Amino acid sequence: MKSILTSLMFVGDQAGKCEEAIKFYTSLFCDAEIIDIQYYTADEHEPEGSVKRAKFHINGREFMALDSHLNHPFSFTPSISLYIECQSLSEIESLFRTLAEGGTELMPLDNYAFSHRFGWLNDRYGVSWQLNLSQ
């Protein structure tokens, strides 16, 4: 096996927002960058300029992402989320606040029995994030 990557497919109301989302995500982390973006052309089955395939990395982890305007019976779900171990209170508070803008808080950033600072949210693109402050 060469690798296992997390792949984010932007469908439904989020179709066409892939590039915007990955630019947003890579702006949040110091060690993050977009590696490659390929776009659909006019003669392909998706709208021209939509993301055919993108690769980006955050903190050494590589991700793939794409737009799909096809009618899919699914979207993002909190059952799968990106879990971030934060190193400081200021880091977790800043990330949570920024990711939650325009999104939905599933569990507010708070003290829980399993963690002294944890929060869970769906961002404005529907991607689920869990943030935990390492002890």
N, C-alpha and C. Protein backbone atom coordinates (compact mmCIF):
# COMPACT_ATOMS: atom_id res chain seq x y z
N MET A 1 0.84 -1.17 0.00
CA MET A 1 0.00 0.00 0.00
C MET A 1 0.88 1.24 0.00
N LYS A 2 0.58 2.16 -0.87
CA LYS A 2 1.38 3.39 -0.95
C LYS A 2 0.99 4.38 0.13
N SER A 3 -0.32 4.62 0.31
CA SER A 3 -0.75 5.60 1.32
C SER A 3 -2.25 5.50 1.57
N ILE A 4 -2.68 6.12 2.65
CA ILE A 4 -4.09 6.31 2.97
C ILE A 4 -4.27 7.79 3.23
N LEU A 5 -5.18 8.42 2.49
CA LEU A 5 -5.42 9.85 2.62
C LEU A 5 -6.87 10.10 3.00
N THR A 6 -7.10 11.18 3.70
CA THR A 6 -8.46 11.65 3.93
C THR A 6 -8.88 12.41 2.68
N SER A 7 -10.07 12.10 2.17
CA SER A 7 -10.59 12.76 0.98
C SER A 7 -11.89 13.47 1.32
N LEU A 8 -11.99 14.73 0.96
CA LEU A 8 -13.18 15.54 1.22
C LEU A 8 -13.87 15.84 -0.11
N MET A 9 -15.12 15.34 -0.28
CA MET A 9 -15.88 15.61 -1.49
C MET A 9 -16.96 16.64 -1.18
N PHE A 10 -16.91 17.76 -1.85
CA PHE A 10 -17.86 18.84 -1.64
C PHE A 10 -19.03 18.64 -2.60
N VAL A 11 -20.20 18.29 -2.03
CA VAL A 11 -21.39 17.94 -2.81
C VAL A 11 -22.57 18.81 -2.37
N GLY A 12 -23.68 18.70 -3.10
CA GLY A 12 -24.90 19.42 -2.72
C GLY A 12 -24.66 20.91 -2.68
N ASP A 13 -25.09 21.56 -1.59
CA ASP A 13 -24.91 23.00 -1.43
C ASP A 13 -23.45 23.41 -1.36
N GLN A 14 -22.57 22.47 -1.05
CA GLN A 14 -21.14 22.76 -0.92
C GLN A 14 -20.37 22.55 -2.22
N ALA A 15 -21.00 21.95 -3.23
CA ALA A 15 -20.33 21.72 -4.52
C ALA A 15 -19.89 23.06 -5.09
N GLY A 16 -18.65 23.12 -5.53
CA GLY A 16 -18.09 24.35 -6.05
C GLY A 16 -17.33 25.16 -5.01
N LYS A 17 -17.33 24.70 -3.76
CA LYS A 17 -16.66 25.44 -2.69
C LYS A 17 -15.36 24.78 -2.22
N CYS A 18 -14.93 23.76 -2.93
CA CYS A 18 -13.73 23.02 -2.53
C CYS A 18 -12.51 23.93 -2.41
N GLU A 19 -12.23 24.69 -3.45
CA GLU A 19 -11.03 25.53 -3.43
C GLU A 19 -11.10 26.56 -2.31
N GLU A 20 -12.26 27.18 -2.14
CA GLU A 20 -12.45 28.14 -1.05
C GLU A 20 -12.18 27.49 0.30
N ALA A 21 -12.70 26.28 0.49
CA ALA A 21 -12.54 25.57 1.76
C ALA A 21 -11.08 25.24 2.04
N ILE A 22 -10.37 24.69 1.05
CA ILE A 22 -8.98 24.31 1.34
C ILE A 22 -8.08 25.52 1.53
N LYS A 23 -8.41 26.63 0.88
CA LYS A 23 -7.66 27.87 1.15
C LYS A 23 -7.91 28.33 2.58
N PHE A 24 -9.15 28.20 3.03
CA PHE A 24 -9.50 28.55 4.41
C PHE A 24 -8.76 27.65 5.38
N TYR A 25 -8.81 26.33 5.18
CA TYR A 25 -8.16 25.39 6.09
C TYR A 25 -6.65 25.63 6.16
N THR A 26 -6.01 25.80 5.02
CA THR A 26 -4.55 25.98 5.03
C THR A 26 -4.14 27.33 5.62
N SER A 27 -5.06 28.28 5.67
CA SER A 27 -4.75 29.58 6.29
C SER A 27 -4.77 29.51 7.82
N LEU A 28 -5.37 28.46 8.37
CA LEU A 28 -5.53 28.35 9.83
C LEU A 28 -4.33 27.76 10.54
N PHE A 29 -3.49 27.06 9.82
CA PHE A 29 -2.40 26.32 10.45
C PHE A 29 -1.05 26.78 9.90
N CYS A 30 -0.05 26.85 10.79
CA CYS A 30 1.29 27.30 10.38
C CYS A 30 1.91 26.36 9.36
N ASP A 31 1.82 25.06 9.61
CA ASP A 31 2.43 24.07 8.73
C ASP A 31 1.36 23.52 7.80
N ALA A 32 0.93 24.33 6.85
CA ALA A 32 -0.12 23.90 5.92
C ALA A 32 0.09 24.57 4.57
N GLU A 33 -0.20 23.83 3.51
CA GLU A 33 -0.10 24.41 2.17
C GLU A 33 -0.89 23.58 1.18
N ILE A 34 -1.31 24.24 0.12
CA ILE A 34 -1.95 23.56 -1.00
C ILE A 34 -0.83 23.05 -1.90
N ILE A 35 -0.85 21.77 -2.18
CA ILE A 35 0.20 21.14 -2.99
C ILE A 35 -0.14 21.21 -4.47
N ASP A 36 -1.41 20.94 -4.81
CA ASP A 36 -1.80 20.89 -6.21
C ASP A 36 -3.31 21.04 -6.32
N ILE A 37 -3.76 21.75 -7.34
CA ILE A 37 -5.19 21.82 -7.67
C ILE A 37 -5.33 21.60 -9.17
N GLN A 38 -6.20 20.65 -9.52
CA GLN A 38 -6.53 20.41 -10.92
C GLN A 38 -8.00 20.76 -11.10
N TYR A 39 -8.32 21.41 -12.22
CA TYR A 39 -9.67 21.89 -12.46
C TYR A 39 -10.31 21.16 -13.64
N TYR A 40 -11.64 21.05 -13.59
CA TYR A 40 -12.38 20.51 -14.73
C TYR A 40 -12.34 21.51 -15.87
N THR A 41 -12.27 20.99 -17.08
CA THR A 41 -12.31 21.82 -18.28
C THR A 41 -13.72 21.81 -18.86
N ALA A 42 -13.95 22.63 -19.85
CA ALA A 42 -15.28 22.78 -20.45
C ALA A 42 -15.82 21.49 -21.05
N ASP A 43 -14.95 20.60 -21.50
CA ASP A 43 -15.41 19.37 -22.15
C ASP A 43 -15.58 18.19 -21.19
N GLU A 44 -15.52 18.44 -19.89
CA GLU A 44 -15.69 17.36 -18.91
C GLU A 44 -17.08 17.43 -18.28
N HIS A 45 -17.42 16.43 -17.47
CA HIS A 45 -18.78 16.27 -16.95
C HIS A 45 -19.14 17.17 -15.77
N GLU A 46 -18.22 17.93 -15.24
CA GLU A 46 -18.48 18.86 -14.13
C GLU A 46 -18.33 20.29 -14.66
N PRO A 47 -18.90 21.26 -13.94
CA PRO A 47 -18.76 22.65 -14.39
C PRO A 47 -17.29 23.07 -14.52
N GLU A 48 -17.00 23.76 -15.59
CA GLU A 48 -15.64 24.24 -15.84
C GLU A 48 -15.15 25.08 -14.66
N GLY A 49 -13.92 24.80 -14.22
CA GLY A 49 -13.34 25.53 -13.10
C GLY A 49 -13.58 24.89 -11.75
N SER A 50 -14.47 23.89 -11.69
CA SER A 50 -14.65 23.14 -10.44
C SER A 50 -13.39 22.34 -10.16
N VAL A 51 -13.17 22.02 -8.91
CA VAL A 51 -11.96 21.27 -8.54
C VAL A 51 -12.15 19.79 -8.86
N LYS A 52 -11.32 19.31 -9.75
CA LYS A 52 -11.30 17.90 -10.12
C LYS A 52 -10.58 17.10 -9.05
N ARG A 53 -9.46 17.66 -8.60
CA ARG A 53 -8.69 17.00 -7.54
C ARG A 53 -7.71 18.01 -6.97
N ALA A 54 -7.67 18.05 -5.67
CA ALA A 54 -6.72 18.93 -4.98
C ALA A 54 -6.01 18.13 -3.91
N LYS A 55 -4.77 18.48 -3.68
CA LYS A 55 -4.01 17.90 -2.57
C LYS A 55 -3.49 19.04 -1.72
N PHE A 56 -3.60 18.87 -0.42
CA PHE A 56 -3.05 19.86 0.50
C PHE A 56 -2.57 19.13 1.73
N HIS A 57 -1.74 19.80 2.52
CA HIS A 57 -1.32 19.16 3.75
C HIS A 57 -1.45 20.13 4.91
N ILE A 58 -1.71 19.53 6.06
CA ILE A 58 -1.79 20.24 7.33
C ILE A 58 -0.95 19.44 8.32
N ASN A 59 0.04 20.08 8.88
CA ASN A 59 0.89 19.46 9.90
C ASN A 59 1.42 18.10 9.47
N GLY A 60 1.89 18.02 8.24
CA GLY A 60 2.49 16.79 7.74
C GLY A 60 1.51 15.75 7.24
N ARG A 61 0.21 15.98 7.37
CA ARG A 61 -0.81 15.05 6.89
C ARG A 61 -1.33 15.52 5.54
N GLU A 62 -1.38 14.61 4.59
CA GLU A 62 -1.86 14.96 3.27
C GLU A 62 -3.35 14.66 3.14
N PHE A 63 -4.07 15.56 2.49
CA PHE A 63 -5.50 15.43 2.25
C PHE A 63 -5.77 15.57 0.76
N MET A 64 -6.87 15.00 0.32
CA MET A 64 -7.37 15.21 -1.03
C MET A 64 -8.73 15.88 -0.90
N ALA A 65 -9.12 16.60 -1.95
CA ALA A 65 -10.44 17.23 -1.95
C ALA A 65 -10.90 17.41 -3.39
N LEU A 66 -12.21 17.46 -3.57
CA LEU A 66 -12.79 17.63 -4.90
C LEU A 66 -14.21 18.16 -4.81
N ASP A 67 -14.67 18.73 -5.91
CA ASP A 67 -16.07 19.13 -6.06
C ASP A 67 -16.80 18.06 -6.84
N SER A 68 -18.07 17.82 -6.49
CA SER A 68 -18.92 16.95 -7.30
C SER A 68 -20.32 17.55 -7.34
N HIS A 69 -20.74 17.93 -8.54
CA HIS A 69 -22.07 18.51 -8.72
C HIS A 69 -23.12 17.44 -9.04
N LEU A 70 -22.72 16.18 -9.06
CA LEU A 70 -23.67 15.09 -9.28
C LEU A 70 -24.63 15.03 -8.10
N ASN A 71 -25.79 14.46 -8.32
CA ASN A 71 -26.79 14.34 -7.26
C ASN A 71 -26.46 13.14 -6.38
N HIS A 72 -25.77 13.39 -5.28
CA HIS A 72 -25.39 12.33 -4.35
C HIS A 72 -26.39 12.26 -3.20
N PRO A 73 -26.67 11.07 -2.69
CA PRO A 73 -27.59 10.96 -1.54
C PRO A 73 -26.87 11.12 -0.20
N PHE A 74 -25.76 11.84 -0.19
CA PHE A 74 -24.98 12.00 1.04
C PHE A 74 -24.28 13.35 1.03
N SER A 75 -23.77 13.71 2.18
CA SER A 75 -22.95 14.89 2.35
C SER A 75 -21.97 14.57 3.46
N PHE A 76 -21.33 15.59 4.02
CA PHE A 76 -20.45 15.35 5.16
C PHE A 76 -21.29 14.94 6.37
N THR A 77 -20.68 14.18 7.27
CA THR A 77 -21.36 13.73 8.48
C THR A 77 -20.41 13.86 9.67
N PRO A 78 -20.93 14.20 10.86
CA PRO A 78 -20.06 14.26 12.04
C PRO A 78 -19.51 12.90 12.47
N SER A 79 -20.05 11.82 11.86
CA SER A 79 -19.53 10.49 12.20
C SER A 79 -18.05 10.37 11.85
N ILE A 80 -17.61 11.14 10.88
CA ILE A 80 -16.20 11.23 10.52
C ILE A 80 -15.79 12.68 10.73
N SER A 81 -14.75 12.90 11.51
CA SER A 81 -14.33 14.28 11.76
C SER A 81 -12.81 14.37 11.78
N LEU A 82 -12.32 15.59 11.63
CA LEU A 82 -10.89 15.86 11.75
C LEU A 82 -10.64 16.20 13.21
N TYR A 83 -9.79 15.43 13.85
CA TYR A 83 -9.52 15.56 15.29
C TYR A 83 -8.19 16.27 15.46
N ILE A 84 -8.22 17.42 16.11
CA ILE A 84 -7.02 18.24 16.28
C ILE A 84 -6.61 18.26 17.75
N GLU A 85 -5.37 17.90 18.02
CA GLU A 85 -4.80 18.03 19.36
C GLU A 85 -4.09 19.37 19.43
N CYS A 86 -4.65 20.29 20.16
CA CYS A 86 -4.07 21.63 20.29
C CYS A 86 -3.06 21.66 21.43
N GLN A 87 -2.10 22.59 21.34
CA GLN A 87 -1.03 22.66 22.32
C GLN A 87 -1.21 23.76 23.35
N SER A 88 -2.14 24.70 23.10
CA SER A 88 -2.32 25.80 24.06
C SER A 88 -3.78 26.23 24.08
N LEU A 89 -4.15 26.89 25.16
CA LEU A 89 -5.50 27.41 25.30
C LEU A 89 -5.79 28.43 24.21
N SER A 90 -4.84 29.30 23.92
CA SER A 90 -5.06 30.31 22.88
C SER A 90 -5.24 29.66 21.51
N GLU A 91 -4.50 28.59 21.24
CA GLU A 91 -4.62 27.90 19.95
C GLU A 91 -6.00 27.29 19.80
N ILE A 92 -6.48 26.55 20.80
CA ILE A 92 -7.78 25.89 20.69
C ILE A 92 -8.91 26.91 20.60
N GLU A 93 -8.81 27.99 21.37
CA GLU A 93 -9.86 29.01 21.34
C GLU A 93 -9.91 29.71 19.98
N SER A 94 -8.75 30.04 19.42
CA SER A 94 -8.70 30.70 18.12
C SER A 94 -9.21 29.79 17.01
N LEU A 95 -8.73 28.54 16.97
CA LEU A 95 -9.18 27.60 15.95
C LEU A 95 -10.68 27.34 16.05
N PHE A 96 -11.17 27.12 17.26
CA PHE A 96 -12.59 26.82 17.43
C PHE A 96 -13.43 28.01 16.96
N ARG A 97 -13.07 29.19 17.38
CA ARG A 97 -13.82 30.40 17.01
C ARG A 97 -13.84 30.57 15.49
N THR A 98 -12.70 30.42 14.86
CA THR A 98 -12.61 30.63 13.41
C THR A 98 -13.34 29.54 12.64
N LEU A 99 -13.17 28.28 13.03
CA LEU A 99 -13.86 27.19 12.34
C LEU A 99 -15.37 27.23 12.55
N ALA A 100 -15.81 27.72 13.70
CA ALA A 100 -17.25 27.76 14.02
C ALA A 100 -17.99 28.87 13.28
N GLU A 101 -17.27 29.89 12.78
CA GLU A 101 -17.92 31.00 12.07
C GLU A 101 -18.72 30.47 10.89
N GLY A 102 -20.02 30.69 10.93
CA GLY A 102 -20.89 30.24 9.85
C GLY A 102 -21.22 28.76 9.91
N GLY A 103 -20.73 28.08 10.93
CA GLY A 103 -20.97 26.64 11.08
C GLY A 103 -21.92 26.36 12.23
N THR A 104 -21.85 25.14 12.76
CA THR A 104 -22.73 24.70 13.83
C THR A 104 -21.90 24.06 14.94
N GLU A 105 -22.07 24.54 16.15
CA GLU A 105 -21.39 23.91 17.28
C GLU A 105 -22.16 22.66 17.68
N LEU A 106 -21.46 21.53 17.73
CA LEU A 106 -22.07 20.27 18.18
C LEU A 106 -21.86 20.09 19.68
N MET A 107 -20.69 20.46 20.15
CA MET A 107 -20.36 20.49 21.58
C MET A 107 -19.54 21.76 21.79
N PRO A 108 -20.04 22.70 22.59
CA PRO A 108 -19.31 23.94 22.80
C PRO A 108 -17.92 23.69 23.40
N LEU A 109 -17.02 24.59 23.14
CA LEU A 109 -15.69 24.52 23.72
C LEU A 109 -15.83 24.67 25.23
N ASP A 110 -15.50 23.60 25.97
CA ASP A 110 -15.78 23.59 27.40
C ASP A 110 -14.95 22.50 28.08
N ASN A 111 -15.14 22.41 29.39
CA ASN A 111 -14.54 21.38 30.23
C ASN A 111 -15.50 20.20 30.29
N TYR A 112 -15.02 19.01 29.96
CA TYR A 112 -15.83 17.80 29.98
C TYR A 112 -15.12 16.75 30.84
N ALA A 113 -15.83 15.72 31.22
CA ALA A 113 -15.26 14.66 32.05
C ALA A 113 -14.04 14.01 31.38
N PHE A 114 -14.04 13.95 30.07
CA PHE A 114 -12.95 13.30 29.33
C PHE A 114 -11.84 14.27 28.91
N SER A 115 -12.07 15.58 29.07
CA SER A 115 -11.07 16.57 28.65
C SER A 115 -11.33 17.90 29.34
N HIS A 116 -10.26 18.58 29.75
CA HIS A 116 -10.47 19.87 30.40
C HIS A 116 -10.78 20.98 29.40
N ARG A 117 -10.56 20.74 28.09
CA ARG A 117 -10.97 21.72 27.07
C ARG A 117 -11.16 20.97 25.75
N PHE A 118 -12.41 20.91 25.29
CA PHE A 118 -12.78 20.17 24.09
C PHE A 118 -13.94 20.88 23.42
N GLY A 119 -13.98 20.83 22.11
CA GLY A 119 -15.11 21.35 21.35
C GLY A 119 -15.27 20.59 20.05
N TRP A 120 -16.51 20.52 19.57
CA TRP A 120 -16.82 19.77 18.35
C TRP A 120 -17.75 20.63 17.52
N LEU A 121 -17.48 20.74 16.22
CA LEU A 121 -18.31 21.59 15.37
C LEU A 121 -18.32 21.11 13.93
N ASN A 122 -19.30 21.56 13.20
CA ASN A 122 -19.31 21.45 11.75
C ASN A 122 -19.02 22.84 11.22
N ASP A 123 -18.01 22.97 10.37
CA ASP A 123 -17.66 24.30 9.86
C ASP A 123 -18.66 24.74 8.78
N ARG A 124 -18.44 25.90 8.21
CA ARG A 124 -19.36 26.48 7.22
C ARG A 124 -19.50 25.63 5.97
N TYR A 125 -18.58 24.69 5.75
CA TYR A 125 -18.64 23.80 4.59
C TYR A 125 -19.24 22.44 4.94
N GLY A 126 -19.58 22.24 6.21
CA GLY A 126 -20.16 20.97 6.65
C GLY A 126 -19.15 19.96 7.15
N VAL A 127 -17.86 20.30 7.12
CA VAL A 127 -16.82 19.38 7.59
C VAL A 127 -16.79 19.42 9.11
N SER A 128 -16.73 18.25 9.72
CA SER A 128 -16.76 18.12 11.17
C SER A 128 -15.35 18.14 11.75
N TRP A 129 -15.18 18.92 12.84
CA TRP A 129 -13.89 19.06 13.52
C TRP A 129 -14.09 18.82 15.01
N GLN A 130 -13.19 18.05 15.61
CA GLN A 130 -13.11 17.92 17.06
C GLN A 130 -11.77 18.52 17.47
N LEU A 131 -11.81 19.41 18.45
CA LEU A 131 -10.60 20.06 18.94
C LEU A 131 -10.42 19.72 20.41
N ASN A 132 -9.23 19.30 20.76
CA ASN A 132 -8.94 18.92 22.14
C ASN A 132 -7.63 19.58 22.57
N LEU A 133 -7.60 20.05 23.79
CA LEU A 133 -6.37 20.63 24.33
C LEU A 133 -5.58 19.52 25.00
N SER A 134 -4.39 19.24 24.46
CA SER A 134 -3.53 18.20 25.04
C SER A 134 -3.16 18.58 26.46
N GLN A 135 -3.04 17.56 27.29
CA GLN A 135 -2.72 17.82 28.69
C GLN A 135 -1.26 17.62 28.97
